[in-house]
Protein backbone atom coordinates (compact mmCIF):
# COMPACT_ATOMS: atom_id res chain seq x y z
CA UNK A 1 -56.64 -3.25 -16.53
CA UNK A 2 -56.86 -1.40 -13.37
CA UNK A 3 -58.83 1.54 -11.95
CA UNK A 4 -56.20 3.63 -13.11
CA UNK A 5 -57.50 6.76 -15.11
CA UNK A 6 -56.59 7.62 -18.77
CA UNK A 7 -55.63 11.38 -16.68
CA UNK A 8 -53.61 8.86 -14.18
CA UNK A 9 -52.08 7.21 -17.07
CA UNK A 10 -50.20 9.85 -18.42
CA UNK A 11 -49.60 11.16 -14.73
CA UNK A 12 -47.70 8.42 -14.33
CA UNK A 13 -45.67 8.22 -17.69
CA UNK A 14 -45.14 12.77 -16.46
CA UNK A 15 -43.65 11.53 -13.02
CA UNK A 16 -41.67 9.03 -14.78
CA UNK A 17 -40.21 11.27 -17.00
CA UNK A 18 -39.78 13.97 -14.54
CA UNK A 19 -38.73 12.39 -11.62
CA UNK A 20 -35.41 11.27 -14.24
CA UNK A 21 -35.06 14.89 -15.59
CA UNK A 22 -34.66 15.67 -11.54
CA UNK A 23 -32.54 13.43 -10.55
CA UNK A 24 -30.31 12.73 -14.11
CA UNK A 25 -31.26 9.19 -14.42
CA UNK A 26 -32.86 7.34 -16.62
CA UNK A 27 -36.53 7.42 -17.44
CA UNK A 28 -37.33 3.84 -17.78
CA UNK A 29 -34.94 2.75 -14.34
CA UNK A 30 -38.48 5.05 -12.59
CA UNK A 31 -40.69 3.30 -14.89
CA UNK A 32 -39.58 -0.25 -13.75
CA UNK A 33 -39.44 1.38 -10.36
CA UNK A 34 -42.96 2.12 -10.77
CA UNK A 35 -43.72 -1.24 -11.64
CA UNK A 36 -42.31 -3.04 -9.04
CA UNK A 37 -44.02 -0.86 -6.37
CA UNK A 38 -47.24 -1.35 -8.10
CA UNK A 39 -46.32 -5.47 -8.35
CA UNK A 40 -46.03 -5.19 -4.06
CA UNK A 41 -48.84 -3.52 -3.90
CA UNK A 42 -50.97 -6.03 -6.04
CA UNK A 43 -49.21 -8.49 -3.63
CA UNK A 44 -50.16 -7.27 -0.46
CA UNK A 45 -54.27 -7.18 -1.82
CA UNK A 46 -54.17 -10.78 -4.04
CA UNK A 47 -51.33 -12.88 -1.82
CA UNK A 48 -47.71 -12.71 -1.40
CA UNK A 49 -46.88 -16.00 -2.10
CA UNK A 50 -48.11 -15.16 -5.62
CA UNK A 51 -45.74 -13.74 -8.38
CA UNK A 52 -47.81 -11.14 -9.41
CA UNK A 53 -45.69 -8.21 -11.28
CA UNK A 54 -47.14 -4.74 -12.50
CA UNK A 55 -46.46 -3.71 -16.40
CA UNK A 56 -47.60 0.14 -17.50
CA UNK A 57 -47.14 1.08 -20.91
CA UNK A 58 -44.42 3.07 -22.11
CA UNK A 59 -46.57 5.19 -24.57
CA UNK A 60 -50.00 5.36 -22.91
CA UNK A 61 -49.26 4.43 -19.79
CA UNK A 62 -51.88 1.25 -19.55
CA UNK A 63 -50.87 -0.74 -16.09
CA UNK A 64 -51.51 -4.36 -16.36
CA UNK A 65 -51.67 -6.54 -13.80
CA UNK A 66 -50.61 -10.62 -14.59
CA UNK A 67 -49.66 -13.49 -12.15
CA UNK A 68 -46.52 -15.80 -13.26
CA UNK A 69 -46.14 -19.57 -12.56
CA UNK A 70 -43.70 -21.72 -14.03
CA UNK A 71 -44.26 -25.44 -15.59
CA UNK A 72 -42.27 -28.17 -13.56
CA UNK A 73 -42.36 -31.72 -13.72
CA UNK A 74 -43.02 -32.01 -9.68
CA UNK A 75 -44.42 -28.53 -8.11
CA UNK A 76 -42.89 -27.64 -4.92
CA UNK A 77 -44.52 -24.42 -4.48
CA UNK A 78 -48.34 -24.42 -5.64
CA UNK A 79 -48.17 -20.29 -5.61
CA UNK A 80 -45.55 -20.00 -8.39
CA UNK A 81 -45.48 -23.51 -10.21
CA UNK A 82 -47.80 -26.33 -11.28
CA UNK A 83 -47.45 -29.29 -13.63
CA UNK A 84 -47.89 -29.77 -17.15
CA UNK A 85 -50.68 -31.22 -17.68
CA UNK A 86 -52.46 -28.52 -15.69
CA UNK A 87 -50.65 -25.96 -17.56
CA UNK A 88 -51.67 -27.93 -20.84
CA UNK A 89 -55.23 -27.57 -19.94
CA UNK A 90 -54.77 -23.41 -19.76
CA UNK A 91 -52.65 -23.91 -22.95
CA UNK A 92 -53.00 -26.54 -24.81
CA UNK A 93 -48.83 -25.92 -26.68
CA UNK A 94 -47.97 -25.37 -23.29
CA UNK A 95 -43.72 -27.08 -22.14
CA UNK A 96 -41.98 -27.63 -19.23
CA UNK A 97 -40.21 -24.60 -18.12
CA UNK A 98 -42.49 -21.97 -20.03
CA UNK A 99 -44.07 -19.52 -18.32
CA UNK A 100 -48.10 -19.43 -17.47
CA UNK A 101 -49.12 -16.48 -17.38
CA UNK A 102 -52.55 -14.98 -16.46
CA UNK A 103 -54.05 -11.36 -16.76
CA UNK A 104 -55.60 -10.67 -13.00
CA UNK A 105 -58.93 -8.23 -13.22
CA UNK A 106 -58.48 -4.61 -12.17
CA UNK A 107 -57.81 -3.08 -8.45
CA UNK A 108 -58.36 0.05 -6.74
CA UNK A 109 -54.55 0.98 -5.05
CA UNK A 110 -55.82 2.09 -1.49
CA UNK A 111 -53.69 5.46 0.93
CA UNK A 112 -51.34 2.47 2.53
CA UNK A 113 -50.76 0.12 -1.13
CA UNK A 114 -49.85 3.84 -2.42
CA UNK A 115 -47.67 5.01 0.05
CA UNK A 116 -45.83 1.51 -0.21
CA UNK A 117 -45.55 1.30 -3.28
CA UNK A 118 -44.23 5.53 -2.86
CA UNK A 119 -41.52 3.90 -0.10
CA UNK A 120 -39.58 1.34 -3.10
CA UNK A 121 -40.07 3.87 -5.53
CA UNK A 122 -37.96 6.62 -3.96
CA UNK A 123 -35.62 4.06 -3.21
CA UNK A 124 -34.95 2.68 -6.51
CA UNK A 125 -34.48 6.06 -7.71
CA UNK A 126 -32.09 6.69 -4.86
CA UNK A 127 -30.03 2.84 -5.68
CA UNK A 128 -30.05 4.49 -9.20
CA UNK A 129 -29.03 8.07 -8.18
CA UNK A 130 -25.86 6.54 -6.97
CA UNK A 131 -25.19 4.02 -9.23
CA UNK A 132 -25.14 7.31 -11.89
CA UNK A 133 -23.08 9.21 -9.11
CA UNK A 134 -20.36 6.12 -9.14
CA UNK A 135 -19.84 5.44 -12.58
CA UNK A 136 -19.34 9.50 -13.17
CA UNK A 137 -16.09 9.86 -10.79
CA UNK A 138 -14.98 6.57 -10.37
CA UNK A 139 -12.45 7.62 -13.10
CA UNK A 140 -11.97 11.00 -11.84
CA UNK A 141 -9.89 9.38 -8.67
CA UNK A 142 -6.79 11.39 -7.66
CA UNK A 143 -7.86 14.52 -9.17
CA UNK A 144 -9.34 18.09 -7.63
CA UNK A 145 -12.49 19.14 -7.99
CA UNK A 146 -14.34 22.14 -6.52
CA UNK A 147 -17.53 22.40 -4.60
CA UNK A 148 -19.88 23.70 -2.45
CA UNK A 149 -20.11 23.11 1.54
CA UNK A 150 -23.13 22.03 2.35
CA UNK A 151 -23.10 21.02 5.54
CA UNK A 152 -20.90 19.53 8.12
CA UNK A 153 -21.63 16.72 10.95
CA UNK A 154 -19.90 15.42 14.11
CA UNK A 155 -17.19 17.60 12.11
CA UNK A 156 -17.16 16.26 9.07
CA UNK A 157 -17.75 18.14 5.77
CA UNK A 158 -20.28 17.68 3.25
CA UNK A 159 -19.48 19.05 -0.27
CA UNK A 160 -21.60 19.56 -3.19
CA UNK A 161 -19.91 18.98 -6.02
CA UNK A 162 -22.56 19.10 -8.70
CA UNK A 163 -24.50 15.93 -9.19
CA UNK A 164 -23.28 14.35 -6.48
CA UNK A 165 -22.24 15.18 -2.44
CA UNK A 166 -18.88 13.53 -1.17
CA UNK A 167 -17.46 14.37 2.27
CA UNK A 168 -14.11 15.69 3.35
CA UNK A 169 -13.65 13.37 6.66
CA UNK A 170 -12.37 15.20 9.60
CA UNK A 171 -9.36 13.60 9.34
CA UNK A 172 -8.86 14.79 5.90
CA UNK A 173 -8.55 19.03 6.77
CA UNK A 174 -5.95 20.49 7.67
CA UNK A 175 -5.37 21.55 11.23
CA UNK A 176 -7.59 24.48 12.36
CA UNK A 177 -9.30 24.49 9.27
CA UNK A 178 -12.97 25.16 9.50
CA UNK A 179 -16.05 25.61 6.90
CA UNK A 180 -19.33 27.24 6.83
CA UNK A 181 -22.44 26.49 4.76
CA UNK A 182 -21.45 28.08 0.99
CA UNK A 183 -17.80 28.07 1.40
CA UNK A 184 -15.90 26.76 -1.72
CA UNK A 185 -13.92 24.61 -1.45
CA UNK A 186 -10.79 22.36 -3.34
CA UNK A 187 -10.54 18.98 -2.14
CA UNK A 188 -8.27 15.71 -4.06
CA UNK A 189 -11.21 12.96 -4.99
CA UNK A 190 -8.58 10.34 -2.82
CA UNK A 191 -11.08 7.53 -3.14
CA UNK A 192 -14.88 6.71 -5.11
CA UNK A 193 -16.76 3.21 -3.66
CA UNK A 194 -19.88 2.17 -5.20
CA UNK A 195 -22.11 1.73 -1.16
CA UNK A 196 -25.86 1.31 -1.31
CA UNK A 197 -25.65 3.36 1.71
CA UNK A 198 -23.88 5.80 2.99
CA UNK A 199 -20.66 8.03 1.08
CA UNK A 200 -19.23 7.09 -1.90
CA UNK A 201 -16.67 10.02 -2.82
CA UNK A 202 -14.34 10.74 0.13
CA UNK A 203 -12.35 14.13 -0.82
CA UNK A 204 -8.91 14.79 1.19
CA UNK A 205 -6.67 18.20 2.16
CA UNK A 206 -4.05 16.73 3.23
CA UNK A 207 -3.12 13.99 0.70
CA UNK A 208 0.37 13.86 -0.38
CA UNK A 209 -1.32 14.16 -3.89
CA UNK A 210 -3.35 17.28 -2.91
CA UNK A 211 -0.35 19.41 -3.14
CA UNK A 212 1.22 17.42 -6.23
CA UNK A 213 -2.36 17.87 -8.10
CA UNK A 214 -2.03 21.17 -7.13
CA UNK A 215 1.47 22.61 -8.69
CA UNK A 216 0.68 20.53 -11.48
CA UNK A 217 -2.40 23.48 -11.74
CA UNK A 218 0.49 26.08 -11.23
CA UNK A 219 3.69 25.06 -12.97
CA UNK A 220 2.80 24.69 -17.09
CA UNK A 221 6.01 22.13 -17.33
CA UNK A 222 4.40 19.72 -14.53
CA UNK A 223 1.69 19.38 -16.71
CA UNK A 224 3.42 19.22 -19.74
CA UNK A 225 6.20 16.49 -18.44
CA UNK A 226 8.94 18.61 -18.94
CA UNK A 227 9.05 18.28 -14.91
CA UNK A 228 7.65 15.51 -13.13
CA UNK A 229 7.46 15.15 -8.96
CA UNK A 230 9.58 12.21 -8.43
CA UNK A 231 8.31 12.28 -3.92
CA UNK A 232 6.50 14.28 -1.73
CA UNK A 233 6.28 14.38 2.28
CA UNK A 234 3.57 16.66 4.12
CA UNK A 235 3.09 17.84 7.83
CA UNK A 236 -0.35 19.22 6.89
CA UNK A 237 -0.84 22.91 7.30
CA UNK A 238 2.80 22.59 8.69
CA UNK A 239 5.67 21.97 6.12
CA UNK A 240 5.88 19.89 3.61
CA UNK A 241 8.48 18.58 1.04
CA UNK A 242 8.74 17.26 -2.51
CA UNK A 243 11.30 16.31 -5.01
CA UNK A 244 11.51 17.49 -8.46
CA UNK A 245 13.66 16.92 -11.53
CA UNK A 246 13.71 18.27 -14.92
CA UNK A 247 13.62 15.93 -18.18
CA UNK A 248 15.45 19.45 -19.75
CA UNK A 249 18.52 20.54 -19.05
CA UNK A 250 18.09 23.93 -19.40
CA UNK A 251 14.92 24.36 -17.09
CA UNK A 252 15.88 24.29 -13.65
CA UNK A 253 12.90 22.45 -12.08
CA UNK A 254 13.08 24.10 -8.10
CA UNK A 255 12.94 27.63 -10.05
CA UNK A 256 10.28 26.99 -12.26
CA UNK A 257 7.99 25.45 -9.28
CA UNK A 258 9.07 28.31 -7.26
CA UNK A 259 8.34 31.08 -10.14
CA UNK A 260 8.90 34.55 -10.60
CA UNK A 261 9.07 35.84 -7.43
CA UNK A 262 7.63 32.82 -5.27
CA UNK A 263 4.57 33.46 -7.13
CA UNK A 264 3.72 30.12 -8.15
CA UNK A 265 4.63 28.09 -5.08
CA UNK A 266 2.97 31.16 -2.95
CA UNK A 267 -0.10 30.51 -4.68
CA UNK A 268 -0.21 26.38 -3.53
CA UNK A 269 1.14 28.12 0.00
CA UNK A 270 -2.03 30.19 0.33
CA UNK A 271 -4.42 27.14 -0.59
CA UNK A 272 -2.77 24.97 1.91
CA UNK A 273 -3.09 27.72 4.81
CA UNK A 274 0.16 29.24 4.85
CA UNK A 275 2.22 25.46 4.62
CA UNK A 276 5.58 26.28 4.57
CA UNK A 277 6.71 23.82 0.90
CA UNK A 278 11.02 22.72 0.01
CA UNK A 279 11.47 22.37 -3.05
CA UNK A 280 14.34 19.85 -3.47
CA UNK A 281 15.98 18.48 -6.67
CA UNK A 282 15.41 14.92 -6.55
CA UNK A 283 18.81 12.56 -7.55
CA UNK A 284 18.76 8.79 -8.05
CA UNK A 285 20.88 8.47 -5.32
CA UNK A 286 19.74 8.08 -2.55
CA UNK A 287 22.98 9.51 -0.28
CA UNK A 288 22.42 12.81 -1.93
CA UNK A 289 18.54 13.00 -2.38
CA UNK A 290 18.73 12.74 1.15
CA UNK A 291 21.75 15.47 1.63
CA UNK A 292 19.20 17.27 -0.33
CA UNK A 293 16.10 16.75 1.68
CA UNK A 294 17.44 17.11 4.64
CA UNK A 295 18.10 20.54 3.84
CA UNK A 296 18.59 23.47 5.58
CA UNK A 297 20.58 21.38 7.82
CA UNK A 298 24.40 20.72 6.14
CA UNK A 299 25.42 17.13 5.91
CA UNK A 300 28.96 15.98 6.82
CA UNK A 301 28.88 12.40 5.65
CA UNK A 302 26.62 9.65 5.11
CA UNK A 303 26.39 5.70 5.56
CA UNK A 304 24.35 3.80 3.59
CA UNK A 305 23.22 0.90 4.59
CA UNK A 306 21.23 -1.10 1.51
CA UNK A 307 20.08 -4.90 2.70
CA UNK A 308 18.16 -2.64 6.13
CA UNK A 309 17.20 0.34 4.43
CA UNK A 310 18.67 2.64 6.49
CA UNK A 311 20.72 5.61 6.08
CA UNK A 312 23.17 6.92 8.74
CA UNK A 313 24.02 10.91 8.70
CA UNK A 314 26.62 12.59 10.77
CA UNK A 315 26.15 16.40 11.02
CA UNK A 316 28.09 18.78 13.06
CA UNK A 317 27.03 19.52 16.64
CA UNK A 318 25.34 22.71 15.95
CA UNK A 319 23.51 21.41 12.81
CA UNK A 320 21.92 18.63 14.97
CA UNK A 321 18.32 20.19 16.42
CA UNK A 322 18.14 21.97 12.39
CA UNK A 323 18.51 18.72 10.95
CA UNK A 324 16.13 16.60 13.46
CA UNK A 325 13.68 19.82 13.48
CA UNK A 326 10.80 21.44 15.95
CA UNK A 327 9.64 17.64 17.27
CA UNK A 328 11.61 15.93 14.31
CA UNK A 329 9.04 16.65 11.46
CA UNK A 330 12.25 17.48 9.44
CA UNK A 331 13.77 14.35 9.94
CA UNK A 332 10.28 13.18 10.03
CA UNK A 333 9.66 13.93 6.08
CA UNK A 334 13.02 12.79 4.94
CA UNK A 335 12.26 9.68 6.05
CA UNK A 336 9.39 9.22 3.96
CA UNK A 337 9.61 11.45 1.16
CA UNK A 338 13.45 8.73 0.49
CA UNK A 339 12.14 6.12 2.19
CA UNK A 340 14.73 4.98 4.29
CA UNK A 341 14.90 4.50 8.10
CA UNK A 342 17.34 7.93 8.81
CA UNK A 343 19.76 7.81 11.81
CA UNK A 344 21.23 11.18 12.93
CA UNK A 345 24.48 11.51 14.85
CA UNK A 346 26.98 14.42 15.55
CA UNK A 347 30.69 14.66 14.72
CA UNK A 348 31.00 14.04 18.18
CA UNK A 349 28.68 11.09 18.33
CA UNK A 350 30.16 9.42 15.46
CA UNK A 351 33.98 9.87 16.81
CA UNK A 352 32.88 8.83 20.35
CA UNK A 353 31.24 5.46 18.37
CA UNK A 354 34.58 4.89 16.06
CA UNK A 355 37.30 4.83 19.51
CA UNK A 356 35.15 2.50 21.07
CA UNK A 357 34.52 0.37 18.18
CA UNK A 358 38.59 0.96 17.65
CA UNK A 359 39.20 0.17 21.69
CA UNK A 360 36.81 -3.18 21.72
CA UNK A 361 38.61 -4.50 18.56
CA UNK A 362 42.12 -4.09 19.94
CA UNK A 363 40.90 -5.89 23.03
CA UNK A 364 40.08 -8.28 21.46
CA UNK A 365 43.21 -9.03 19.06
CA UNK A 366 44.83 -9.03 21.69
CA UNK A 367 43.58 -11.59 24.00
CA UNK A 368 42.80 -14.04 21.04
CA UNK A 369 46.73 -13.04 19.41
CA UNK A 370 47.82 -12.34 22.66
CA UNK A 371 49.99 -9.78 21.02
CA UNK A 372 50.70 -6.01 22.87
CA UNK A 373 48.25 -3.06 22.49
CA UNK A 374 50.52 -1.82 20.11
CA UNK A 375 50.76 -4.72 17.38
CA UNK A 376 46.82 -4.74 17.79
CA UNK A 377 45.98 -1.34 17.31
CA UNK A 378 47.96 -1.39 13.78
CA UNK A 379 46.06 -4.36 12.98
CA UNK A 380 42.30 -2.32 13.90
CA UNK A 381 44.20 1.14 11.34
CA UNK A 382 44.90 -1.61 8.81
CA UNK A 383 40.73 -2.47 8.72
CA UNK A 384 41.51 -5.82 10.47
CA UNK A 385 37.72 -6.67 12.58
CA UNK A 386 37.62 -9.71 13.15
CA UNK A 387 40.26 -12.71 13.69
CA UNK A 388 38.94 -14.59 10.42
CA UNK A 389 40.40 -12.02 8.54
CA UNK A 390 43.84 -11.91 9.74
CA UNK A 391 43.80 -15.59 9.73
CA UNK A 392 42.41 -16.49 5.97
CA UNK A 393 43.65 -12.79 4.10
CA UNK A 394 46.99 -13.12 1.69
CA UNK A 395 49.80 -13.02 4.10
CA UNK A 396 51.73 -10.38 1.56
CA UNK A 397 49.02 -7.96 3.39
CA UNK A 398 50.09 -8.76 7.14
CA UNK A 399 53.43 -8.65 5.88
CA UNK A 400 52.78 -5.37 4.72
CA UNK A 401 51.49 -3.48 7.42
CA UNK A 402 54.71 -0.67 8.78
CA UNK A 403 56.63 -2.95 11.61
CA UNK A 404 55.49 -6.80 10.11
CA UNK A 405 57.09 -9.16 8.42
CA UNK A 406 56.97 -12.47 6.28
CA UNK A 407 57.00 -14.43 9.77
CA UNK A 408 55.10 -12.10 11.88
CA UNK A 409 52.23 -12.21 9.15
CA UNK A 410 52.86 -16.03 9.55
CA UNK A 411 52.90 -16.19 13.37
CA UNK A 412 49.81 -14.00 13.53
CA UNK A 413 47.50 -16.07 11.05
CA UNK A 414 48.66 -19.01 13.33
CA UNK A 415 47.59 -17.12 16.24
CA UNK A 416 44.08 -16.43 14.73
CA UNK A 417 43.25 -20.00 13.50
CA UNK A 418 44.13 -21.98 16.39
CA UNK A 419 42.77 -19.19 18.31
CA UNK A 420 39.18 -19.89 15.99
CA UNK A 421 39.27 -23.77 16.33
CA UNK A 422 39.53 -23.24 20.01
CA UNK A 423 36.11 -20.81 19.93
CA UNK A 424 34.91 -23.11 17.56
CA UNK A 425 35.53 -26.56 19.83
CA UNK A 426 33.97 -24.55 22.58
CA UNK A 427 31.08 -23.76 20.95
CA UNK A 428 29.93 -27.15 19.85
CA UNK A 429 30.68 -28.50 22.94
CA UNK A 430 28.47 -25.66 24.31
CA UNK A 431 25.74 -26.74 21.49
CA UNK A 432 25.83 -30.50 22.53
CA UNK A 433 25.40 -29.84 26.29
CA UNK A 434 22.52 -28.30 25.45
CA UNK A 435 21.59 -30.57 23.27
CA UNK A 436 21.49 -30.52 19.18
CA UNK A 437 21.83 -33.52 16.68
CA UNK A 438 24.47 -34.60 14.47
CA UNK A 439 22.25 -33.67 11.49
CA UNK A 440 22.39 -30.12 12.67
CA UNK A 441 26.52 -30.08 12.90
CA UNK A 442 26.59 -31.73 9.90
CA UNK A 443 24.76 -29.30 7.89
CA UNK A 444 27.16 -27.48 5.57
CA UNK A 445 26.94 -23.29 6.08
CA UNK A 446 26.33 -22.62 9.63
CA UNK A 447 29.68 -21.63 11.50
CA UNK A 448 30.14 -23.52 15.07
CA UNK A 449 29.49 -19.63 17.02
CA UNK A 450 25.71 -20.00 14.92
CA UNK A 451 25.29 -23.91 15.42
CA UNK A 452 25.61 -22.67 19.49
CA UNK A 453 23.33 -19.48 19.06
CA UNK A 454 20.11 -21.59 17.66
CA UNK A 455 20.95 -23.80 20.39
CA UNK A 456 20.20 -21.43 22.86
CA UNK A 457 17.08 -20.01 20.63
CA UNK A 458 15.91 -23.80 21.00
CA UNK A 459 16.72 -24.62 17.69
CA UNK A 460 18.74 -28.21 17.69
CA UNK A 461 17.69 -30.43 14.68
CA UNK A 462 17.98 -29.76 11.17
CA UNK A 463 13.96 -30.06 11.55
CA UNK A 464 13.93 -26.96 13.37
CA UNK A 465 16.06 -24.80 11.44
CA UNK A 466 13.71 -25.87 8.47
CA UNK A 467 10.69 -24.18 9.54
CA UNK A 468 12.50 -21.34 10.25
CA UNK A 469 11.76 -18.09 8.21
CA UNK A 470 14.35 -16.03 6.58
CA UNK A 471 14.06 -12.78 8.11
CA UNK A 472 13.57 -14.16 11.35
CA UNK A 473 17.48 -15.41 10.82
CA UNK A 474 18.93 -12.32 9.38
CA UNK A 475 16.77 -9.84 10.86
CA UNK A 476 14.40 -7.25 9.04
CA UNK A 477 11.81 -4.53 9.25
CA UNK A 478 7.75 -4.36 9.96
CA UNK A 479 5.58 -1.74 8.74
CA UNK A 480 3.91 -1.05 12.12
CA UNK A 481 1.27 1.86 12.99
CA UNK A 482 2.75 3.26 9.57
CA UNK A 483 6.23 2.95 11.48
CA UNK A 484 9.28 1.28 10.41
CA UNK A 485 10.02 -1.40 13.30
CA UNK A 486 13.30 -3.80 13.52
CA UNK A 487 13.23 -7.34 14.33
CA UNK A 488 16.37 -8.42 15.10
CA UNK A 489 17.49 -12.11 13.40
CA UNK A 490 18.71 -14.49 15.32
CA UNK A 491 22.20 -15.05 13.33
CA UNK A 492 22.20 -11.33 11.97
CA UNK A 493 25.23 -10.52 14.13
CA UNK A 494 26.80 -13.07 11.82
CA UNK A 495 26.50 -10.41 9.27
CA UNK A 496 23.55 -12.81 7.07
CA UNK A 497 22.08 -11.57 4.93
CA UNK A 498 18.45 -12.63 3.81
CA UNK A 499 19.37 -13.86 0.68
CA UNK A 500 22.20 -15.76 2.43
CA UNK A 501 18.81 -16.88 5.16
CA UNK A 502 16.70 -17.97 2.69
CA UNK A 503 19.50 -20.43 0.83
CA UNK A 504 20.35 -22.18 3.75
CA UNK A 505 16.84 -22.97 4.84
CA UNK A 506 15.52 -23.86 1.29
CA UNK A 507 18.61 -26.26 1.27
CA UNK A 508 17.99 -27.97 4.95
CA UNK A 509 14.33 -28.42 3.42
CA UNK A 510 15.90 -30.11 0.43
CA UNK A 511 18.21 -32.32 3.10
CA UNK A 512 15.20 -33.18 4.97
CA UNK A 513 13.68 -33.96 1.64
CA UNK A 514 10.66 -31.39 2.08
CA UNK A 515 11.20 -29.62 -1.30
CA UNK A 516 12.41 -31.30 -4.65
CA UNK A 517 15.73 -29.57 -5.04
CA UNK A 518 14.41 -29.68 -9.02
CA UNK A 519 11.74 -27.22 -8.68
CA UNK A 520 14.60 -24.89 -6.90
CA UNK A 521 17.10 -24.98 -10.00
CA UNK A 522 16.23 -23.77 -13.05
CA UNK A 523 17.50 -25.72 -16.00
CA UNK A 524 19.93 -22.91 -18.19
CA UNK A 525 18.25 -23.58 -20.90
CA UNK A 526 14.48 -23.10 -19.91
CA UNK A 527 16.37 -19.44 -18.30
CA UNK A 528 17.22 -18.52 -21.55
CA UNK A 529 13.98 -19.50 -23.16
CA UNK A 530 11.70 -17.21 -20.76
CA UNK A 531 14.37 -14.31 -21.29
CA UNK A 532 13.68 -15.27 -24.82
CA UNK A 533 10.69 -14.66 -24.85
CA UNK A 534 10.22 -11.99 -22.16
CA UNK A 535 12.39 -10.12 -24.58
CA UNK A 536 9.99 -11.07 -28.07
CA UNK A 537 7.08 -9.76 -25.57
CA UNK A 538 8.64 -6.28 -24.90
CA UNK A 539 9.67 -6.07 -28.59
CA UNK A 540 6.10 -6.51 -29.30
CA UNK A 541 4.32 -4.57 -26.96
CA UNK A 542 6.86 -1.51 -28.04
CA UNK A 543 5.31 -2.17 -31.81
């Protein structure tokens, strides 16, 4: 036994119990930390190479020091391993993989050893405390928590949240918001991470979820699930928009969130430092929801492009500044709320653009069909935009235009087809001059103009085409620094969709032999079996 006196032995247990209560952790963890620290101190006396362990009796506080060696066939480290023969000299029944434990004589722990032990204990206690804090808060992510400001470090606010500390970073504070020590603060638990050093609980007052949770606290209908918050967009400290829907036809979702004389919304506004909140009825139709989201501006017309996830909004000239908002705030929040990119035009701008498109198409038909301006304008007015539409439409549709008859329709279609053949021939000739191989010319699904465009961009073989990505051909959008950026596709001007581009590329890969056609087409029987299995699984989950 060590030279630790009986008084000291009991004191060890009392210290462990006191530290555990103070830090709200298991007393056994503190005793284990003490054992580790005393073992480290003993190794500094007997030799750091040895495997020396300390054991504290949980009832009496007695301390025992032991040396451990492992029994192996061929020892590599003589300090921690020994042969079976040597082990049997100490313990006759020893076997391979056994541990030989030798008791060590007591020792006096000096000042340096005691200091080292204290550091190990404190480190272990901190680790246990941080683990306890993480376990307590990990499932509370997304909740609102109340705390007291403890201190401010480089603009970041350290908040005492009862059984732990959390950090409210400077970028998660509402603009012009300042806290002093001792101030009470309410924030959203945005993230909880298990880390050995630094903060673990990260708070936010700028997250959209914070506003939603505040309304859940103020509006019983939201808490009960009768009203649901479908979308939130915020410009923290300035303005916010929130889309809500009611699942009870007798309850007005906007009125319920506003409250009697605005009492409910005002309580949230006060918490958010005067942030103005627009509460908008949510609608599953994107265009209708967007019209609501752009309030208070009035909208004349909405053109929705599903492929590119863009919405074009036409507003009266005097409503333009209101729709865009101060520094683009209104349209920016509407974009965040709906998830669509929004282009805003005035009635005058849209009219000007329509006139430009009308003039361009009129000129196209005049040159390609060799007709006068009146005939061209009649075709454009009836909705014809390309030569292909004129060439391959039902002749009866052309003949039904005022001033046209059957012979006129046939003549126009003949001229359109002749013009298309001439344009295609020129495109093929140019593509061949650029070095396009026959494999790409013969590939089904690409028009001569498409092949010419690809050749100009350096895609001259079927292998070149097969290496393209669908978005390279059809175009798309990528997110850069939180903003959606348009990627123009090589064949986008020919109205090629992503699905069509993907099909063409995969067909090219099959034709070359890079992909097996059987892997692309799922047999109908298998598809039906999978659908049946999916339905059965859904039924079981519902049961």
